[in-house]
């Protein structure tokens, strides 16, 4: 049987933000001049719009089966947040495309793959994939919010602002798809199996997309620069042992996203980004 427990109150509310990219505001390699990381972030950003749409459809499919009123409210907040995420990453991706990144191609490839999954996989499996991928995004998001070195990679560009806002909301709603999966009868066996499958697919997607993106960049033809950038990637704060351990915790029986308490972290960043003197308060619409 699926272990069920009451859903705690969580602040999951969409923020209607908007970001701007004046022509020439971003350097070609906008992640502090790092070749490979600039392409990795571009691949992830290109993946987000079709990915967010897939998440919304997967959760919405089960929305009418959610009986807990708190979770039902969080589902509405989750859908609203994800819709805005997709819209703003579309805007960022258009700017990255103008800079020469193949974001449109990666978006189309991702969209076709996810729509094939929707045609061929049961709704329960798709929801399991969504819950697992939300664990990935929340783990990386909380690393960004908690690690000075991770944030330093992004400099002070508009990309940094987008990713900090996105990270905050990913952590806020990190348990919603998981709780919908659990409340509507998802089993531990399916949960863990879908995590293992999607982990392999996600790694392959990022690796392939990054290689594809690098192939469009003449700077990648410089073996010294490419080698130095790959060497730095090995020491990325996003690949630290602590991050890998948190990702693997999902496979533990009885795991729940709330096992990683991020309440203080979220309170800090809500105030820093959207408080009265918040750095992104002016971006709210």
Protein backbone atom coordinates (compact mmCIF):
# COMPACT_ATOMS: atom_id res chain seq x y z
CA UNK A 1 0.00 0.00 0.00
CA UNK A 2 1.03 3.59 -0.54
CA UNK A 3 2.05 5.43 2.62
CA UNK A 4 -0.16 8.49 2.95
CA UNK A 5 0.22 11.39 5.33
CA UNK A 6 -1.46 14.75 5.52
CA UNK A 7 -0.06 17.42 3.24
CA UNK A 8 1.42 20.36 5.18
CA UNK A 9 0.66 23.94 4.23
CA UNK A 10 3.19 25.32 1.74
CA UNK A 11 3.45 28.66 -0.04
CA UNK A 12 3.07 27.73 -3.71
CA UNK A 13 1.91 30.86 -5.46
CA UNK A 14 2.79 32.01 -9.00
CA UNK A 15 4.72 35.24 -9.34
CA UNK A 16 4.02 37.09 -12.57
CA UNK A 17 7.54 38.21 -13.37
CA UNK A 18 9.10 39.46 -16.56
CA UNK A 19 12.76 39.71 -17.53
CA UNK A 20 14.37 41.78 -20.27
CA UNK A 21 17.42 41.12 -22.45
CA UNK A 22 18.69 44.31 -24.09
CA UNK A 23 20.70 43.50 -27.20
CA UNK A 24 24.32 42.86 -26.24
CA UNK A 25 23.61 42.55 -22.51
CA UNK A 26 24.99 38.99 -22.38
CA UNK A 27 28.47 37.90 -23.33
CA UNK A 28 28.73 34.95 -25.73
CA UNK A 29 29.86 32.74 -22.85
CA UNK A 30 27.67 34.27 -20.20
CA UNK A 31 28.45 31.85 -17.34
CA UNK A 32 31.50 33.82 -16.22
CA UNK A 33 33.20 33.17 -19.54
CA UNK A 34 33.07 29.39 -19.10
CA UNK A 35 32.63 27.59 -22.43
CA UNK A 36 31.04 24.29 -21.39
CA UNK A 37 28.87 25.61 -18.55
CA UNK A 38 27.41 28.29 -20.83
CA UNK A 39 26.29 25.53 -23.20
CA UNK A 40 25.01 23.29 -20.36
CA UNK A 41 22.84 26.11 -19.01
CA UNK A 42 21.58 26.88 -22.53
CA UNK A 43 20.61 23.22 -23.00
CA UNK A 44 18.76 23.18 -19.67
CA UNK A 45 16.99 26.44 -20.45
CA UNK A 46 15.93 25.10 -23.87
CA UNK A 47 14.61 21.96 -22.17
CA UNK A 48 12.51 23.80 -19.61
CA UNK A 49 9.56 25.08 -21.72
CA UNK A 50 8.50 21.68 -23.15
CA UNK A 51 9.49 20.04 -19.86
CA UNK A 52 7.29 22.38 -17.82
CA UNK A 53 4.36 21.72 -20.16
CA UNK A 54 4.86 17.97 -19.72
CA UNK A 55 4.90 18.39 -15.93
CA UNK A 56 1.70 20.44 -16.00
CA UNK A 57 -0.13 17.89 -18.16
CA UNK A 58 1.09 14.97 -16.03
CA UNK A 59 -0.11 16.54 -12.78
CA UNK A 60 -3.31 18.00 -14.23
CA UNK A 61 -4.34 14.52 -15.42
CA UNK A 62 -4.76 13.51 -11.75
CA UNK A 63 -5.96 16.84 -10.37
CA UNK A 64 -9.60 15.76 -10.09
CA UNK A 65 -8.55 12.78 -7.95
CA UNK A 66 -6.83 14.93 -5.33
CA UNK A 67 -9.10 15.04 -2.28
CA UNK A 68 -6.85 16.92 0.16
CA UNK A 69 -7.86 20.62 -0.13
CA UNK A 70 -4.35 21.82 0.79
CA UNK A 71 -2.79 19.69 -1.94
CA UNK A 72 -5.45 20.79 -4.43
CA UNK A 73 -4.48 24.42 -3.77
CA UNK A 74 -0.81 23.55 -4.19
CA UNK A 75 -1.55 21.85 -7.52
CA UNK A 76 -3.10 25.09 -8.78
CA UNK A 77 -0.05 27.01 -7.58
CA UNK A 78 2.29 24.45 -9.15
CA UNK A 79 0.57 24.77 -12.52
CA UNK A 80 0.69 28.55 -12.37
CA UNK A 81 4.37 28.63 -11.46
CA UNK A 82 5.34 26.16 -14.17
CA UNK A 83 3.45 28.09 -16.85
CA UNK A 84 5.35 31.27 -16.00
CA UNK A 85 8.65 29.35 -15.91
CA UNK A 86 8.07 28.10 -19.42
CA UNK A 87 7.16 31.57 -20.69
CA UNK A 88 10.23 33.27 -19.24
CA UNK A 89 12.60 30.56 -20.41
CA UNK A 90 11.12 30.95 -23.89
CA UNK A 91 12.18 34.60 -23.72
CA UNK A 92 15.67 33.70 -22.51
CA UNK A 93 15.96 31.01 -25.17
CA UNK A 94 15.12 33.49 -27.90
CA UNK A 95 18.00 35.68 -26.73
CA UNK A 96 20.37 32.69 -26.54
CA UNK A 97 19.33 31.72 -30.09
CA UNK A 98 20.25 35.21 -31.29
CA UNK A 99 23.66 34.67 -29.69
CA UNK A 100 24.16 31.45 -31.65
CA UNK A 101 22.98 28.73 -29.24
CA UNK A 102 20.77 26.01 -30.81
CA UNK A 103 17.99 26.45 -28.24
CA UNK A 104 15.19 26.21 -30.81
CA UNK A 105 16.47 22.86 -32.05
CA UNK A 106 16.84 21.46 -28.53
CA UNK A 107 13.36 22.72 -27.61
CA UNK A 108 11.85 20.94 -30.63
CA UNK A 109 13.74 17.72 -29.94
CA UNK A 110 12.66 17.74 -26.29
CA UNK A 111 9.05 18.50 -27.18
CA UNK A 112 8.88 15.63 -29.68
CA UNK A 113 10.42 13.19 -27.18
CA UNK A 114 7.99 14.16 -24.42
CA UNK A 115 4.97 13.98 -26.70
CA UNK A 116 6.09 10.51 -27.80
CA UNK A 117 6.24 9.56 -24.11
CA UNK A 118 2.70 10.85 -23.64
CA UNK A 119 1.46 8.73 -26.54
CA UNK A 120 3.16 5.55 -25.38
CA UNK A 121 3.40 5.59 -21.57
CA UNK A 122 0.66 5.24 -18.93
CA UNK A 123 -0.30 8.39 -17.01
CA UNK A 124 1.05 6.88 -13.78
CA UNK A 125 4.52 6.48 -15.28
CA UNK A 126 4.47 10.02 -16.65
CA UNK A 127 3.55 11.33 -13.22
CA UNK A 128 6.37 9.25 -11.74
CA UNK A 129 8.80 10.81 -14.21
CA UNK A 130 7.51 14.25 -13.27
CA UNK A 131 7.96 13.66 -9.54
CA UNK A 132 11.49 12.36 -10.14
CA UNK A 133 12.47 15.26 -12.39
CA UNK A 134 11.07 17.70 -9.83
CA UNK A 135 13.48 16.16 -7.33
CA UNK A 136 16.34 16.89 -9.72
CA UNK A 137 15.29 20.49 -10.27
CA UNK A 138 14.72 21.12 -6.56
CA UNK A 139 18.07 19.60 -5.57
CA UNK A 140 19.96 21.72 -8.10
CA UNK A 141 17.85 24.75 -7.17
CA UNK A 142 18.64 24.43 -3.47
CA UNK A 143 22.32 24.05 -4.29
CA UNK A 144 22.20 27.30 -6.24
CA UNK A 145 20.40 29.10 -3.43
CA UNK A 146 22.68 27.80 -0.68
CA UNK A 147 26.14 27.81 -2.30
CA UNK A 148 28.06 31.04 -2.88
CA UNK A 149 30.31 29.36 -5.44
CA UNK A 150 27.36 28.15 -7.49
CA UNK A 151 25.87 31.64 -7.64
CA UNK A 152 29.25 33.19 -8.44
CA UNK A 153 29.29 31.21 -11.70
CA UNK A 154 26.34 33.26 -12.94
CA UNK A 155 27.89 36.68 -12.40
CA UNK A 156 25.37 39.53 -12.25
CA UNK A 157 23.50 39.06 -15.53
CA UNK A 158 19.78 38.69 -16.15
CA UNK A 159 20.39 34.93 -16.48
CA UNK A 160 21.35 34.90 -12.81
CA UNK A 161 18.09 36.65 -11.93
CA UNK A 162 16.01 34.19 -13.97
CA UNK A 163 17.68 31.16 -12.43
CA UNK A 164 17.42 32.45 -8.86
CA UNK A 165 13.69 33.13 -9.28
CA UNK A 166 13.21 29.76 -10.95
CA UNK A 167 15.21 28.02 -8.21
CA UNK A 168 13.12 29.60 -5.47
CA UNK A 169 9.87 28.38 -6.99
CA UNK A 170 11.22 24.92 -7.81
CA UNK A 171 12.04 24.47 -4.13
CA UNK A 172 8.67 25.88 -3.08
CA UNK A 173 6.74 23.30 -5.12
CA UNK A 174 9.21 20.42 -4.94
CA UNK A 175 6.77 18.07 -3.20
CA UNK A 176 3.61 18.77 -5.20
CA UNK A 177 3.96 16.20 -8.01
CA UNK A 178 5.33 13.72 -5.46
CA UNK A 179 2.31 14.18 -3.19
CA UNK A 180 -0.12 13.89 -6.11
CA UNK A 181 1.61 10.66 -7.13
CA UNK A 182 1.32 9.30 -3.60
CA UNK A 183 -2.23 10.48 -2.87
CA UNK A 184 -3.61 9.03 -6.10
CA UNK A 185 -2.20 5.56 -5.46
CA UNK A 186 1.34 5.60 -6.80
CA UNK A 187 3.48 2.82 -5.35
CA UNK A 188 7.02 2.92 -4.00
CA UNK A 189 8.04 0.41 -6.63
CA UNK A 190 6.87 2.57 -9.54
CA UNK A 191 8.28 5.71 -7.92
CA UNK A 192 11.79 4.26 -7.63
CA UNK A 193 11.71 2.59 -11.05
CA UNK A 194 10.67 5.77 -12.81
CA UNK A 195 13.47 7.66 -11.04
CA UNK A 196 16.07 5.17 -12.26
CA UNK A 197 14.84 5.29 -15.85
CA UNK A 198 14.52 9.07 -16.02
CA UNK A 199 17.96 9.54 -14.45
CA UNK A 200 19.57 7.68 -17.33
CA UNK A 201 17.46 9.52 -19.92
CA UNK A 202 18.18 12.92 -18.37
CA UNK A 203 21.93 12.35 -18.27
CA UNK A 204 21.90 11.25 -21.91
CA UNK A 205 19.79 14.25 -22.91
CA UNK A 206 22.08 16.78 -21.23
CA UNK A 207 25.24 15.14 -22.58
CA UNK A 208 23.92 14.91 -26.14
CA UNK A 209 22.46 18.40 -26.08
CA UNK A 210 25.68 19.91 -24.74
CA UNK A 211 27.81 18.20 -27.39
CA UNK A 212 25.36 19.33 -30.07
CA UNK A 213 25.44 22.90 -28.75
CA UNK A 214 29.25 22.95 -28.52
CA UNK A 215 29.46 21.83 -32.14
CA UNK A 216 27.91 25.16 -33.15
CA UNK A 217 30.57 27.17 -31.27
CA UNK A 218 33.93 27.92 -32.92
CA UNK A 219 35.46 28.45 -29.46
CA UNK A 220 35.04 24.72 -28.82
CA UNK A 221 37.57 24.04 -31.60
CA UNK A 222 40.29 25.38 -29.31
CA UNK A 223 41.47 22.21 -27.51
CA UNK A 224 43.13 24.12 -24.68
CA UNK A 225 40.04 26.15 -23.89
CA UNK A 226 37.72 23.16 -24.22
CA UNK A 227 39.98 20.99 -22.06
CA UNK A 228 40.27 23.62 -19.34
CA UNK A 229 36.50 24.10 -19.30
CA UNK A 230 35.85 20.36 -19.04
CA UNK A 231 38.36 20.14 -16.19
CA UNK A 232 36.50 22.89 -14.31
CA UNK A 233 33.22 21.05 -14.88
CA UNK A 234 34.52 18.12 -12.84
CA UNK A 235 34.74 20.43 -9.83
CA UNK A 236 31.39 22.14 -10.36
CA UNK A 237 29.43 22.79 -7.14
CA UNK A 238 26.46 21.20 -8.89
CA UNK A 239 28.32 17.88 -9.13
CA UNK A 240 29.53 17.85 -5.52
CA UNK A 241 29.15 14.67 -3.47
CA UNK A 242 26.47 16.32 -1.31
CA UNK A 243 24.34 16.96 -4.40
CA UNK A 244 24.74 13.38 -5.67
CA UNK A 245 23.84 12.04 -2.22
CA UNK A 246 20.65 14.12 -2.12
CA UNK A 247 19.66 12.98 -5.60
CA UNK A 248 20.18 9.33 -4.70
CA UNK A 249 18.11 9.69 -1.52
CA UNK A 250 15.01 9.62 -3.73
CA UNK A 251 15.52 5.86 -4.19
CA UNK A 252 15.28 5.24 -0.44
CA UNK A 253 12.05 3.59 0.66
CA UNK A 254 9.86 6.07 2.48
CA UNK A 255 11.64 9.10 1.04
CA UNK A 256 9.76 12.39 0.85
CA UNK A 257 11.02 15.71 -0.59
CA UNK A 258 10.30 17.41 2.74
CA UNK A 259 13.03 15.24 4.29
CA UNK A 260 15.34 18.04 3.10
CA UNK A 261 14.13 21.02 5.10
CA UNK A 262 14.57 24.20 3.06
CA UNK A 263 12.19 26.45 5.02
CA UNK A 264 14.85 28.89 6.26
CA UNK A 265 16.52 28.98 2.85
CA UNK A 266 13.22 29.83 1.17
CA UNK A 267 12.36 32.53 3.71
CA UNK A 268 15.74 34.14 3.08
CA UNK A 269 15.40 34.16 -0.69
CA UNK A 270 11.75 35.27 -0.73
CA UNK A 271 12.86 38.35 1.19
CA UNK A 272 16.03 38.86 -0.85
CA UNK A 273 14.32 38.57 -4.21
CA UNK A 274 10.76 39.77 -3.60
CA UNK A 275 10.74 41.61 -0.27
CA UNK A 276 10.16 45.38 -0.04
CA UNK A 277 13.77 45.98 -1.12
CA UNK A 278 14.04 42.74 -3.11
CA UNK A 279 16.33 42.61 -6.12
CA UNK A 280 13.50 41.29 -8.35
CA UNK A 281 10.52 43.13 -6.87
CA UNK A 282 10.57 45.52 -9.84
CA UNK A 283 10.20 42.53 -12.19
CA UNK A 284 6.78 41.65 -10.76
CA UNK A 285 3.83 42.43 -13.00
